[in-house]
Amino acid sequence: MERELYSWEDEDDDTPPSWFAGQHLPADARRMGLTHHVPDGAILDFAGRLDSAKPVHRITAWVMLVIFGMPVVFAVMRVFYLF
């Protein structure tokens, strides 16, 4: 009996599946020691999973941009308001 060319026994790949957390971190973030366990790494991992071809993902990216940009806008407004 012939053995199948691509059987599960032949695979020796220990990499975790792509749907596991932490698989979409940029290489720079990994070099800095970020993982999906820390808040900054979790945000990067989440943003790395977004697909620009999907409209919901585009909306999510814009919402994240507004949420993370608003404190900067408020700080600049406060600086100019005080002077």
N, C-alpha and C. Protein backbone atom coordinates (compact mmCIF):
# COMPACT_ATOMS: atom_id res chain seq x y z
N MET A 1 0.83 -1.18 0.00
CA MET A 1 0.00 0.00 0.00
C MET A 1 0.88 1.25 0.00
N GLU A 2 0.58 2.16 -0.91
CA GLU A 2 1.38 3.37 -1.02
C GLU A 2 1.00 4.37 0.07
N ARG A 3 1.97 5.10 0.46
CA ARG A 3 1.75 6.12 1.48
C ARG A 3 1.36 7.43 0.81
N GLU A 4 0.45 8.20 1.43
CA GLU A 4 0.03 9.48 0.86
C GLU A 4 1.20 10.45 0.87
N LEU A 5 1.23 11.30 -0.14
CA LEU A 5 2.32 12.27 -0.25
C LEU A 5 2.25 13.31 0.85
N TYR A 6 1.06 13.81 1.15
CA TYR A 6 0.90 14.84 2.16
C TYR A 6 0.07 14.28 3.32
N SER A 7 0.66 13.52 4.16
CA SER A 7 -0.07 13.00 5.32
C SER A 7 0.32 13.82 6.54
N TRP A 8 -0.48 13.71 7.56
CA TRP A 8 -0.22 14.45 8.80
C TRP A 8 1.06 14.00 9.46
N GLU A 9 1.47 12.80 9.22
CA GLU A 9 2.69 12.29 9.84
C GLU A 9 3.93 12.99 9.31
N ASP A 10 3.88 13.44 8.05
CA ASP A 10 5.04 14.07 7.44
C ASP A 10 5.24 15.52 7.87
N GLU A 11 4.20 16.14 8.35
CA GLU A 11 4.30 17.55 8.73
C GLU A 11 5.03 17.68 10.06
N ASP A 12 6.05 18.48 10.04
CA ASP A 12 6.82 18.73 11.26
C ASP A 12 6.86 20.24 11.50
N ASP A 13 5.71 20.87 11.40
CA ASP A 13 5.61 22.31 11.54
C ASP A 13 5.06 22.64 12.92
N ASP A 14 5.88 23.26 13.75
CA ASP A 14 5.45 23.58 15.11
C ASP A 14 4.92 25.00 15.24
N THR A 15 4.76 25.72 14.15
CA THR A 15 4.25 27.08 14.24
C THR A 15 2.76 27.06 14.59
N PRO A 16 2.34 27.99 15.45
CA PRO A 16 0.92 28.02 15.82
C PRO A 16 0.07 28.51 14.65
N PRO A 17 -1.20 28.14 14.63
CA PRO A 17 -2.08 28.59 13.55
C PRO A 17 -2.22 30.10 13.52
N SER A 18 -2.60 30.62 12.37
CA SER A 18 -2.67 32.08 12.20
C SER A 18 -3.78 32.72 13.02
N TRP A 19 -4.76 31.95 13.46
CA TRP A 19 -5.84 32.55 14.23
C TRP A 19 -5.50 32.68 15.71
N PHE A 20 -4.37 32.16 16.14
CA PHE A 20 -3.95 32.35 17.52
C PHE A 20 -3.53 33.80 17.74
N ALA A 21 -3.73 34.28 18.93
CA ALA A 21 -3.36 35.66 19.26
C ALA A 21 -1.85 35.85 19.15
N GLY A 22 -1.46 37.04 18.73
CA GLY A 22 -0.05 37.39 18.65
C GLY A 22 0.62 37.05 17.34
N GLN A 23 -0.11 36.54 16.37
CA GLN A 23 0.49 36.15 15.09
C GLN A 23 0.60 37.30 14.11
N HIS A 24 -0.01 38.44 14.41
CA HIS A 24 -0.02 39.56 13.46
C HIS A 24 0.76 40.76 13.98
N LEU A 25 1.65 40.54 14.92
CA LEU A 25 2.49 41.62 15.42
C LEU A 25 3.60 41.90 14.41
N PRO A 26 3.90 43.17 14.17
CA PRO A 26 5.02 43.49 13.28
C PRO A 26 6.35 43.02 13.88
N ALA A 27 7.30 42.81 13.03
CA ALA A 27 8.61 42.33 13.48
C ALA A 27 9.27 43.33 14.42
N ASP A 28 9.07 44.64 14.19
CA ASP A 28 9.65 45.65 15.07
C ASP A 28 9.11 45.50 16.49
N ALA A 29 7.81 45.26 16.60
CA ALA A 29 7.19 45.12 17.92
C ALA A 29 7.72 43.88 18.63
N ARG A 30 7.93 42.82 17.89
CA ARG A 30 8.47 41.60 18.52
C ARG A 30 9.90 41.84 19.01
N ARG A 31 10.68 42.58 18.22
CA ARG A 31 12.06 42.87 18.63
C ARG A 31 12.10 43.74 19.88
N MET A 32 11.09 44.60 20.04
CA MET A 32 11.03 45.44 21.24
C MET A 32 10.53 44.67 22.45
N GLY A 33 10.07 43.45 22.23
CA GLY A 33 9.61 42.62 23.33
C GLY A 33 8.11 42.67 23.56
N LEU A 34 7.36 43.28 22.65
CA LEU A 34 5.91 43.33 22.81
C LEU A 34 5.29 41.99 22.45
N THR A 35 4.30 41.61 23.21
CA THR A 35 3.51 40.42 22.92
C THR A 35 2.04 40.80 22.98
N HIS A 36 1.18 39.86 22.67
CA HIS A 36 -0.25 40.14 22.73
C HIS A 36 -0.75 40.18 24.17
N HIS A 37 0.12 39.94 25.13
CA HIS A 37 -0.26 39.96 26.54
C HIS A 37 -0.22 41.37 27.14
N VAL A 38 0.50 42.28 26.54
CA VAL A 38 0.58 43.65 27.05
C VAL A 38 -0.37 44.53 26.24
N PRO A 39 -0.91 45.60 26.83
CA PRO A 39 -1.91 46.42 26.12
C PRO A 39 -1.44 46.95 24.76
N ASP A 40 -0.24 47.48 24.69
CA ASP A 40 0.24 48.02 23.41
C ASP A 40 0.38 46.93 22.35
N GLY A 41 0.87 45.79 22.75
CA GLY A 41 1.01 44.68 21.83
C GLY A 41 -0.33 44.13 21.38
N ALA A 42 -1.30 44.11 22.30
CA ALA A 42 -2.64 43.63 21.95
C ALA A 42 -3.30 44.54 20.92
N ILE A 43 -3.10 45.85 21.07
CA ILE A 43 -3.66 46.79 20.10
C ILE A 43 -3.00 46.62 18.74
N LEU A 44 -1.68 46.45 18.74
CA LEU A 44 -0.98 46.22 17.47
C LEU A 44 -1.41 44.92 16.82
N ASP A 45 -1.60 43.89 17.63
CA ASP A 45 -2.04 42.61 17.10
C ASP A 45 -3.44 42.74 16.50
N PHE A 46 -4.33 43.43 17.20
CA PHE A 46 -5.68 43.64 16.70
C PHE A 46 -5.67 44.44 15.39
N ALA A 47 -4.90 45.51 15.36
CA ALA A 47 -4.83 46.33 14.16
C ALA A 47 -4.18 45.57 13.00
N GLY A 48 -3.26 44.67 13.31
CA GLY A 48 -2.62 43.88 12.27
C GLY A 48 -3.55 42.87 11.62
N ARG A 49 -4.61 42.51 12.32
CA ARG A 49 -5.58 41.56 11.78
C ARG A 49 -6.60 42.22 10.86
N LEU A 50 -6.68 43.55 10.86
CA LEU A 50 -7.67 44.24 10.04
C LEU A 50 -7.32 44.08 8.56
N ASP A 51 -8.35 43.87 7.75
CA ASP A 51 -8.18 43.67 6.31
C ASP A 51 -8.81 44.87 5.60
N SER A 52 -8.03 45.61 4.83
CA SER A 52 -8.54 46.83 4.19
C SER A 52 -9.57 46.55 3.11
N ALA A 53 -9.71 45.32 2.68
CA ALA A 53 -10.70 44.99 1.67
C ALA A 53 -12.11 44.88 2.26
N LYS A 54 -12.21 44.75 3.57
CA LYS A 54 -13.52 44.60 4.22
C LYS A 54 -13.97 45.96 4.76
N PRO A 55 -15.18 46.40 4.39
CA PRO A 55 -15.66 47.72 4.83
C PRO A 55 -15.76 47.86 6.35
N VAL A 56 -16.15 46.82 7.04
CA VAL A 56 -16.26 46.90 8.50
C VAL A 56 -14.87 47.11 9.12
N HIS A 57 -13.88 46.50 8.55
CA HIS A 57 -12.52 46.67 9.06
C HIS A 57 -12.01 48.08 8.80
N ARG A 58 -12.38 48.65 7.67
CA ARG A 58 -12.00 50.05 7.39
C ARG A 58 -12.64 50.99 8.40
N ILE A 59 -13.92 50.77 8.69
CA ILE A 59 -14.62 51.60 9.68
C ILE A 59 -13.97 51.45 11.04
N THR A 60 -13.62 50.22 11.40
CA THR A 60 -12.95 49.97 12.68
C THR A 60 -11.62 50.71 12.74
N ALA A 61 -10.87 50.70 11.67
CA ALA A 61 -9.58 51.41 11.65
C ALA A 61 -9.78 52.91 11.82
N TRP A 62 -10.79 53.49 11.16
CA TRP A 62 -11.06 54.92 11.31
C TRP A 62 -11.51 55.25 12.73
N VAL A 63 -12.33 54.40 13.33
CA VAL A 63 -12.77 54.63 14.71
C VAL A 63 -11.57 54.58 15.65
N MET A 64 -10.68 53.62 15.44
CA MET A 64 -9.48 53.54 16.28
C MET A 64 -8.62 54.78 16.11
N LEU A 65 -8.49 55.26 14.88
CA LEU A 65 -7.70 56.46 14.62
C LEU A 65 -8.29 57.67 15.35
N VAL A 66 -9.60 57.81 15.32
CA VAL A 66 -10.25 58.92 16.03
C VAL A 66 -10.07 58.78 17.53
N ILE A 67 -10.27 57.58 18.06
CA ILE A 67 -10.16 57.37 19.51
C ILE A 67 -8.75 57.67 20.00
N PHE A 68 -7.74 57.21 19.27
CA PHE A 68 -6.37 57.43 19.72
C PHE A 68 -5.86 58.83 19.36
N GLY A 69 -6.50 59.49 18.41
CA GLY A 69 -6.07 60.84 18.03
C GLY A 69 -6.72 61.94 18.84
N MET A 70 -7.88 61.69 19.42
CA MET A 70 -8.60 62.74 20.16
C MET A 70 -7.81 63.30 21.35
N PRO A 71 -7.13 62.49 22.16
CA PRO A 71 -6.34 63.09 23.25
C PRO A 71 -5.27 64.06 22.75
N VAL A 72 -4.69 63.79 21.60
CA VAL A 72 -3.69 64.69 21.03
C VAL A 72 -4.35 66.00 20.62
N VAL A 73 -5.49 65.90 19.96
CA VAL A 73 -6.22 67.09 19.53
C VAL A 73 -6.62 67.92 20.74
N PHE A 74 -7.13 67.28 21.79
CA PHE A 74 -7.53 68.01 23.00
C PHE A 74 -6.33 68.66 23.68
N ALA A 75 -5.19 67.99 23.70
CA ALA A 75 -3.99 68.56 24.32
C ALA A 75 -3.52 69.79 23.54
N VAL A 76 -3.55 69.73 22.22
CA VAL A 76 -3.15 70.88 21.40
C VAL A 76 -4.13 72.03 21.60
N MET A 77 -5.43 71.72 21.65
CA MET A 77 -6.42 72.76 21.89
C MET A 77 -6.22 73.42 23.25
N ARG A 78 -5.86 72.62 24.25
CA ARG A 78 -5.65 73.17 25.58
C ARG A 78 -4.40 74.07 25.61
N VAL A 79 -3.36 73.70 24.87
CA VAL A 79 -2.15 74.52 24.83
C VAL A 79 -2.45 75.86 24.19
N PHE A 80 -3.17 75.85 23.08
CA PHE A 80 -3.47 77.10 22.41
C PHE A 80 -4.52 77.93 23.15
N TYR A 81 -5.36 77.29 23.91
CA TYR A 81 -6.38 78.00 24.68
C TYR A 81 -5.76 78.73 25.87
N LEU A 82 -4.70 78.16 26.45
CA LEU A 82 -4.06 78.77 27.63
C LEU A 82 -3.24 79.99 27.26
N PHE A 83 -2.78 80.09 26.05
CA PHE A 83 -1.93 81.24 25.69
C PHE A 83 -2.72 82.32 25.05
